[in-house]
Amino acid sequence: MTQALPEPRPHRRRLRSTRTPTRKDVGTALVLLVIESVVYVAGSIGHGLQIWAAADDRATIDAARLESIAWTQYLLIAALVLTALALLARARWTALLQLLTAATLAALLALSQHDYAQTHPRPAPTPSEGYVPCYSGGSNDCPGG
């Protein structure tokens, strides 16, 4: 008597089991890099023109700078999403270039946030109720000193 062969176990399949061809991978990586660069530069020029047009209006300048920071954050998120999609498609060059783009955007974001924080220092803390300023110039004449 012959026995039936056992059914093979179903294999788990990835979304895409084959690697993306290198030519398409590199082409996609370069196209995405050019598009992201153009979008970032165009946004920076637009925000720079808003700051230039504001002249001395501090509120408008601050609003444009904060909008520029938010724009960079959105581009960083988009680059990270494109990195994840490239990893799913097993496009290693696209993923690598998107990761480098995300790192560059993260550095630009950190620099712009640092610049904004430097131009907008926190206010000095309010003095306590028992604080009495001393204007005499000598430490012996001051109360508490």
N, C-alpha and C. Protein backbone atom coordinates (compact mmCIF):
# COMPACT_ATOMS: atom_id res chain seq x y z
N MET A 1 0.80 -1.17 0.00
CA MET A 1 0.00 0.00 0.00
C MET A 1 0.86 1.26 0.00
N THR A 2 0.43 2.20 -0.75
CA THR A 2 1.16 3.46 -0.80
C THR A 2 0.51 4.47 0.12
N GLN A 3 1.39 5.21 0.72
CA GLN A 3 0.90 6.27 1.61
C GLN A 3 0.98 7.61 0.88
N ALA A 4 0.02 8.43 1.17
CA ALA A 4 0.00 9.76 0.56
C ALA A 4 1.07 10.62 1.22
N LEU A 5 1.69 11.45 0.41
CA LEU A 5 2.70 12.36 0.95
C LEU A 5 2.03 13.42 1.79
N PRO A 6 2.66 13.81 2.89
CA PRO A 6 2.05 14.88 3.71
C PRO A 6 2.09 16.20 2.94
N GLU A 7 1.09 17.02 3.17
CA GLU A 7 1.03 18.32 2.51
C GLU A 7 2.14 19.22 3.05
N PRO A 8 2.78 19.93 2.18
CA PRO A 8 3.85 20.82 2.66
C PRO A 8 3.24 21.97 3.47
N ARG A 9 4.01 22.43 4.43
CA ARG A 9 3.54 23.56 5.25
C ARG A 9 3.54 24.83 4.40
N PRO A 10 2.53 25.62 4.59
CA PRO A 10 2.52 26.88 3.81
C PRO A 10 3.64 27.80 4.31
N HIS A 11 4.36 28.38 3.38
CA HIS A 11 5.46 29.28 3.72
C HIS A 11 4.91 30.69 3.87
N ARG A 12 5.51 31.38 4.80
CA ARG A 12 5.15 32.79 4.93
C ARG A 12 5.87 33.56 3.83
N ARG A 13 5.12 34.36 3.15
CA ARG A 13 5.70 35.13 2.07
C ARG A 13 5.80 36.59 2.47
N ARG A 14 6.84 37.22 2.04
CA ARG A 14 6.99 38.65 2.24
C ARG A 14 6.12 39.36 1.21
N LEU A 15 5.97 40.65 1.41
CA LEU A 15 5.18 41.40 0.45
C LEU A 15 5.81 41.31 -0.94
N ARG A 16 7.12 41.32 -0.97
CA ARG A 16 7.83 41.21 -2.23
C ARG A 16 9.04 40.34 -1.97
N SER A 17 9.09 39.20 -2.57
CA SER A 17 10.14 38.25 -2.24
C SER A 17 11.42 38.47 -3.03
N THR A 18 11.36 39.18 -4.14
CA THR A 18 12.56 39.40 -4.93
C THR A 18 13.07 40.81 -4.72
N ARG A 19 14.35 40.96 -4.86
CA ARG A 19 14.97 42.25 -4.68
C ARG A 19 14.70 43.11 -5.92
N THR A 20 14.55 44.41 -5.70
CA THR A 20 14.34 45.34 -6.80
C THR A 20 15.60 45.39 -7.67
N PRO A 21 15.43 45.39 -9.00
CA PRO A 21 16.62 45.47 -9.86
C PRO A 21 17.43 46.73 -9.57
N THR A 22 18.74 46.61 -9.67
CA THR A 22 19.64 47.69 -9.27
C THR A 22 19.42 48.95 -10.10
N ARG A 23 19.20 48.83 -11.39
CA ARG A 23 19.00 50.02 -12.22
C ARG A 23 17.77 50.80 -11.79
N LYS A 24 16.67 50.10 -11.56
CA LYS A 24 15.45 50.77 -11.10
C LYS A 24 15.64 51.35 -9.71
N ASP A 25 16.36 50.62 -8.88
CA ASP A 25 16.60 51.04 -7.50
C ASP A 25 17.39 52.35 -7.46
N VAL A 26 18.49 52.41 -8.17
CA VAL A 26 19.33 53.60 -8.19
C VAL A 26 18.59 54.76 -8.87
N GLY A 27 17.87 54.47 -9.94
CA GLY A 27 17.10 55.51 -10.62
C GLY A 27 16.04 56.12 -9.71
N THR A 28 15.34 55.26 -9.01
CA THR A 28 14.31 55.74 -8.07
C THR A 28 14.95 56.56 -6.96
N ALA A 29 16.09 56.09 -6.45
CA ALA A 29 16.78 56.81 -5.38
C ALA A 29 17.18 58.21 -5.82
N LEU A 30 17.71 58.32 -7.02
CA LEU A 30 18.15 59.63 -7.52
C LEU A 30 16.97 60.56 -7.81
N VAL A 31 15.91 60.01 -8.37
CA VAL A 31 14.71 60.82 -8.65
C VAL A 31 14.12 61.36 -7.33
N LEU A 32 14.01 60.51 -6.33
CA LEU A 32 13.48 60.95 -5.04
C LEU A 32 14.37 62.00 -4.39
N LEU A 33 15.69 61.82 -4.51
CA LEU A 33 16.62 62.79 -3.94
C LEU A 33 16.45 64.15 -4.61
N VAL A 34 16.34 64.16 -5.93
CA VAL A 34 16.17 65.43 -6.65
C VAL A 34 14.85 66.09 -6.27
N ILE A 35 13.77 65.30 -6.21
CA ILE A 35 12.46 65.86 -5.85
C ILE A 35 12.48 66.43 -4.45
N GLU A 36 13.03 65.70 -3.50
CA GLU A 36 13.07 66.19 -2.12
C GLU A 36 13.94 67.43 -1.99
N SER A 37 15.04 67.48 -2.72
CA SER A 37 15.92 68.65 -2.68
C SER A 37 15.21 69.88 -3.25
N VAL A 38 14.53 69.70 -4.36
CA VAL A 38 13.81 70.82 -4.97
C VAL A 38 12.69 71.32 -4.05
N VAL A 39 11.97 70.40 -3.44
CA VAL A 39 10.89 70.79 -2.53
C VAL A 39 11.44 71.53 -1.32
N TYR A 40 12.55 71.05 -0.75
CA TYR A 40 13.14 71.72 0.41
C TYR A 40 13.64 73.11 0.05
N VAL A 41 14.35 73.23 -1.07
CA VAL A 41 14.90 74.52 -1.47
C VAL A 41 13.77 75.50 -1.81
N ALA A 42 12.74 75.03 -2.50
CA ALA A 42 11.61 75.91 -2.83
C ALA A 42 10.90 76.38 -1.56
N GLY A 43 10.70 75.49 -0.61
CA GLY A 43 10.08 75.89 0.65
C GLY A 43 10.94 76.87 1.42
N SER A 44 12.26 76.64 1.44
CA SER A 44 13.16 77.56 2.14
C SER A 44 13.17 78.93 1.49
N ILE A 45 13.16 78.97 0.16
CA ILE A 45 13.11 80.25 -0.53
C ILE A 45 11.80 80.97 -0.23
N GLY A 46 10.70 80.22 -0.23
CA GLY A 46 9.40 80.83 0.08
C GLY A 46 9.35 81.41 1.48
N HIS A 47 9.86 80.67 2.45
CA HIS A 47 9.86 81.19 3.82
C HIS A 47 10.84 82.34 3.98
N GLY A 48 11.96 82.27 3.26
CA GLY A 48 12.92 83.38 3.30
C GLY A 48 12.32 84.64 2.70
N LEU A 49 11.55 84.51 1.64
CA LEU A 49 10.89 85.69 1.05
C LEU A 49 9.83 86.26 1.99
N GLN A 50 9.14 85.39 2.73
CA GLN A 50 8.18 85.90 3.72
C GLN A 50 8.90 86.70 4.80
N ILE A 51 10.05 86.20 5.25
CA ILE A 51 10.81 86.92 6.27
C ILE A 51 11.33 88.24 5.70
N TRP A 52 11.80 88.22 4.47
CA TRP A 52 12.30 89.44 3.84
C TRP A 52 11.18 90.47 3.66
N ALA A 53 9.99 89.99 3.28
CA ALA A 53 8.88 90.92 3.05
C ALA A 53 8.33 91.49 4.36
N ALA A 54 8.57 90.79 5.47
CA ALA A 54 8.04 91.26 6.74
C ALA A 54 8.77 92.48 7.26
N ALA A 55 9.96 92.76 6.73
CA ALA A 55 10.79 93.90 7.13
C ALA A 55 11.07 93.84 8.63
N ASP A 56 10.41 94.67 9.42
CA ASP A 56 10.69 94.73 10.86
C ASP A 56 9.54 94.20 11.71
N ASP A 57 8.57 93.55 11.12
CA ASP A 57 7.44 93.00 11.87
C ASP A 57 7.87 91.68 12.52
N ARG A 58 8.22 91.73 13.81
CA ARG A 58 8.75 90.56 14.52
C ARG A 58 7.75 89.40 14.56
N ALA A 59 6.47 89.70 14.68
CA ALA A 59 5.47 88.63 14.75
C ALA A 59 5.41 87.84 13.44
N THR A 60 5.46 88.55 12.32
CA THR A 60 5.42 87.88 11.02
C THR A 60 6.70 87.08 10.78
N ILE A 61 7.83 87.64 11.18
CA ILE A 61 9.10 86.93 11.02
C ILE A 61 9.11 85.65 11.85
N ASP A 62 8.65 85.75 13.10
CA ASP A 62 8.61 84.56 13.96
C ASP A 62 7.66 83.51 13.41
N ALA A 63 6.53 83.96 12.88
CA ALA A 63 5.56 83.01 12.31
C ALA A 63 6.16 82.30 11.10
N ALA A 64 6.89 83.03 10.26
CA ALA A 64 7.51 82.42 9.08
C ALA A 64 8.62 81.45 9.49
N ARG A 65 9.38 81.78 10.51
CA ARG A 65 10.44 80.87 10.96
C ARG A 65 9.85 79.60 11.55
N LEU A 66 8.78 79.74 12.34
CA LEU A 66 8.14 78.55 12.90
C LEU A 66 7.51 77.70 11.80
N GLU A 67 6.97 78.35 10.78
CA GLU A 67 6.40 77.61 9.64
C GLU A 67 7.49 76.86 8.89
N SER A 68 8.67 77.46 8.78
CA SER A 68 9.80 76.80 8.14
C SER A 68 10.25 75.57 8.94
N ILE A 69 10.26 75.69 10.25
CA ILE A 69 10.62 74.55 11.11
C ILE A 69 9.60 73.43 10.96
N ALA A 70 8.32 73.78 10.94
CA ALA A 70 7.27 72.76 10.76
C ALA A 70 7.38 72.10 9.38
N TRP A 71 7.71 72.88 8.35
CA TRP A 71 7.86 72.35 7.00
C TRP A 71 9.00 71.33 6.95
N THR A 72 10.09 71.64 7.62
CA THR A 72 11.22 70.71 7.67
C THR A 72 10.84 69.43 8.41
N GLN A 73 10.04 69.55 9.46
CA GLN A 73 9.57 68.36 10.19
C GLN A 73 8.72 67.47 9.28
N TYR A 74 7.85 68.07 8.49
CA TYR A 74 7.01 67.29 7.58
C TYR A 74 7.86 66.57 6.52
N LEU A 75 8.87 67.26 6.00
CA LEU A 75 9.75 66.63 5.02
C LEU A 75 10.53 65.48 5.65
N LEU A 76 10.93 65.63 6.90
CA LEU A 76 11.64 64.56 7.60
C LEU A 76 10.75 63.34 7.76
N ILE A 77 9.50 63.56 8.12
CA ILE A 77 8.55 62.44 8.26
C ILE A 77 8.33 61.77 6.91
N ALA A 78 8.20 62.57 5.85
CA ALA A 78 8.01 61.99 4.51
C ALA A 78 9.23 61.16 4.09
N ALA A 79 10.43 61.62 4.41
CA ALA A 79 11.64 60.87 4.07
C ALA A 79 11.69 59.55 4.84
N LEU A 80 11.27 59.57 6.09
CA LEU A 80 11.25 58.33 6.88
C LEU A 80 10.21 57.34 6.36
N VAL A 81 9.07 57.85 5.92
CA VAL A 81 8.04 56.98 5.34
C VAL A 81 8.54 56.37 4.03
N LEU A 82 9.20 57.19 3.21
CA LEU A 82 9.77 56.66 1.96
C LEU A 82 10.87 55.64 2.24
N THR A 83 11.61 55.82 3.31
CA THR A 83 12.62 54.83 3.70
C THR A 83 11.96 53.51 4.04
N ALA A 84 10.88 53.56 4.80
CA ALA A 84 10.17 52.33 5.16
C ALA A 84 9.60 51.64 3.93
N LEU A 85 9.04 52.42 3.00
CA LEU A 85 8.51 51.82 1.77
C LEU A 85 9.62 51.19 0.93
N ALA A 86 10.77 51.83 0.89
CA ALA A 86 11.90 51.27 0.14
C ALA A 86 12.38 49.98 0.78
N LEU A 87 12.36 49.91 2.10
CA LEU A 87 12.75 48.68 2.77
C LEU A 87 11.76 47.56 2.48
N LEU A 88 10.48 47.89 2.44
CA LEU A 88 9.47 46.89 2.11
C LEU A 88 9.63 46.39 0.68
N ALA A 89 10.03 47.28 -0.21
CA ALA A 89 10.21 46.89 -1.61
C ALA A 89 11.58 46.26 -1.84
N ARG A 90 12.37 46.16 -0.79
CA ARG A 90 13.72 45.60 -0.86
C ARG A 90 14.58 46.34 -1.87
N ALA A 91 14.44 47.66 -1.86
CA ALA A 91 15.25 48.54 -2.71
C ALA A 91 16.32 49.15 -1.82
N ARG A 92 17.47 48.49 -1.73
CA ARG A 92 18.46 48.87 -0.73
C ARG A 92 19.10 50.21 -1.02
N TRP A 93 19.35 50.57 -2.28
CA TRP A 93 19.97 51.86 -2.57
C TRP A 93 19.00 53.01 -2.31
N THR A 94 17.74 52.81 -2.63
CA THR A 94 16.74 53.83 -2.34
C THR A 94 16.61 54.02 -0.83
N ALA A 95 16.57 52.92 -0.10
CA ALA A 95 16.47 53.01 1.36
C ALA A 95 17.68 53.71 1.95
N LEU A 96 18.86 53.41 1.46
CA LEU A 96 20.08 54.03 1.97
C LEU A 96 20.08 55.53 1.68
N LEU A 97 19.74 55.91 0.46
CA LEU A 97 19.74 57.32 0.12
C LEU A 97 18.64 58.08 0.87
N GLN A 98 17.48 57.44 1.08
CA GLN A 98 16.43 58.08 1.86
C GLN A 98 16.84 58.23 3.33
N LEU A 99 17.57 57.27 3.84
CA LEU A 99 18.07 57.36 5.21
C LEU A 99 19.07 58.50 5.34
N LEU A 100 19.93 58.66 4.35
CA LEU A 100 20.87 59.79 4.36
C LEU A 100 20.13 61.13 4.23
N THR A 101 19.08 61.13 3.42
CA THR A 101 18.27 62.34 3.29
C THR A 101 17.58 62.68 4.60
N ALA A 102 17.06 61.66 5.29
CA ALA A 102 16.41 61.88 6.58
C ALA A 102 17.42 62.39 7.61
N ALA A 103 18.64 61.87 7.59
CA ALA A 103 19.67 62.34 8.52
C ALA A 103 20.03 63.80 8.24
N THR A 104 20.11 64.17 6.96
CA THR A 104 20.40 65.55 6.59
C THR A 104 19.27 66.47 7.03
N LEU A 105 18.03 66.05 6.81
CA LEU A 105 16.89 66.86 7.23
C LEU A 105 16.83 66.98 8.75
N ALA A 106 17.18 65.92 9.47
CA ALA A 106 17.20 65.97 10.93
C ALA A 106 18.25 66.97 11.42
N ALA A 107 19.42 67.00 10.77
CA ALA A 107 20.45 67.96 11.14
C ALA A 107 20.00 69.39 10.84
N LEU A 108 19.39 69.61 9.68
CA LEU A 108 18.88 70.94 9.33
C LEU A 108 17.78 71.38 10.29
N LEU A 109 16.94 70.44 10.69
CA LEU A 109 15.87 70.75 11.64
C LEU A 109 16.45 71.13 13.00
N ALA A 110 17.44 70.37 13.46
CA ALA A 110 18.07 70.69 14.75
C ALA A 110 18.74 72.05 14.71
N LEU A 111 19.41 72.37 13.59
CA LEU A 111 20.05 73.68 13.48
C LEU A 111 19.04 74.82 13.47
N SER A 112 17.94 74.65 12.76
CA SER A 112 16.94 75.72 12.71
C SER A 112 16.23 75.88 14.05
N GLN A 113 15.99 74.79 14.75
CA GLN A 113 15.38 74.90 16.08
C GLN A 113 16.35 75.55 17.06
N HIS A 114 17.64 75.22 16.96
CA HIS A 114 18.63 75.83 17.83
C HIS A 114 18.74 77.33 17.55
N ASP A 115 18.74 77.71 16.28
CA ASP A 115 18.81 79.12 15.91
C ASP A 115 17.60 79.87 16.44
N TYR A 116 16.42 79.26 16.33
CA TYR A 116 15.21 79.92 16.84
C TYR A 116 15.27 80.06 18.36
N ALA A 117 15.77 79.03 19.04
CA ALA A 117 15.86 79.08 20.50
C ALA A 117 16.88 80.13 20.95
N GLN A 118 17.95 80.33 20.18
CA GLN A 118 18.95 81.33 20.53
C GLN A 118 18.41 82.75 20.39
N THR A 119 17.56 82.97 19.42
CA THR A 119 17.01 84.32 19.23
C THR A 119 15.80 84.59 20.11
N HIS A 120 15.30 83.57 20.77
CA HIS A 120 14.16 83.73 21.67
C HIS A 120 14.48 83.12 23.03
N PRO A 121 15.34 83.79 23.81
CA PRO A 121 15.69 83.22 25.12
C PRO A 121 14.50 83.28 26.07
N ARG A 122 14.54 82.39 27.03
CA ARG A 122 13.47 82.39 28.03
C ARG A 122 13.60 83.63 28.91
N PRO A 123 12.49 84.16 29.41
CA PRO A 123 12.57 85.34 30.26
C PRO A 123 13.21 84.98 31.61
N ALA A 124 13.82 85.99 32.21
CA ALA A 124 14.45 85.78 33.51
C ALA A 124 13.38 85.45 34.54
N PRO A 125 13.70 84.62 35.52
CA PRO A 125 12.70 84.29 36.53
C PRO A 125 12.36 85.52 37.37
N THR A 126 11.13 85.57 37.82
CA THR A 126 10.71 86.69 38.66
C THR A 126 11.34 86.54 40.03
N PRO A 127 11.74 87.65 40.63
CA PRO A 127 12.37 87.57 41.95
C PRO A 127 11.35 87.18 43.02
N SER A 128 11.86 86.62 44.10
CA SER A 128 10.97 86.22 45.19
C SER A 128 10.47 87.46 45.92
N GLU A 129 9.53 87.27 46.83
CA GLU A 129 8.93 88.40 47.54
C GLU A 129 9.92 89.08 48.47
N GLY A 130 10.87 88.34 49.02
CA GLY A 130 11.83 88.91 49.96
C GLY A 130 13.02 89.57 49.30
N TYR A 131 13.04 89.63 47.99
CA TYR A 131 14.18 90.21 47.27
C TYR A 131 14.12 91.72 47.34
N VAL A 132 15.26 92.32 47.76
CA VAL A 132 15.39 93.78 47.80
C VAL A 132 16.65 94.13 47.03
N PRO A 133 16.52 94.89 45.94
CA PRO A 133 17.73 95.23 45.19
C PRO A 133 18.60 96.21 45.97
N CYS A 134 19.89 96.08 45.82
CA CYS A 134 20.84 96.96 46.50
C CYS A 134 21.49 97.86 45.48
N TYR A 135 21.33 99.16 45.68
CA TYR A 135 21.88 100.14 44.73
C TYR A 135 23.07 100.91 45.31
N SER A 136 23.49 100.60 46.54
CA SER A 136 24.54 101.39 47.16
C SER A 136 25.92 101.07 46.62
N GLY A 137 26.13 99.89 46.14
CA GLY A 137 27.43 99.53 45.61
C GLY A 137 28.30 98.83 46.63
N GLY A 138 27.98 98.90 47.88
CA GLY A 138 28.77 98.24 48.92
C GLY A 138 27.98 97.10 49.52
N SER A 139 28.64 96.02 49.87
CA SER A 139 27.94 94.88 50.41
C SER A 139 27.51 95.07 51.86
N ASN A 140 28.17 96.02 52.60
CA ASN A 140 27.81 96.22 54.01
C ASN A 140 26.54 97.02 54.17
N ASP A 141 26.21 97.87 53.19
CA ASP A 141 25.05 98.74 53.28
C ASP A 141 23.76 98.04 52.84
N CYS A 142 23.88 96.90 52.21
CA CYS A 142 22.70 96.22 51.66
C CYS A 142 22.01 95.40 52.74
N PRO A 143 20.68 95.34 52.69
CA PRO A 143 19.96 94.48 53.65
C PRO A 143 20.26 93.00 53.36
N GLY A 144 20.49 92.26 54.38
CA GLY A 144 20.74 90.83 54.25
C GLY A 144 22.13 90.50 53.79
N GLY A 145 23.01 91.48 53.66
CA GLY A 145 24.32 91.17 53.13
C GLY A 145 25.39 91.79 53.88
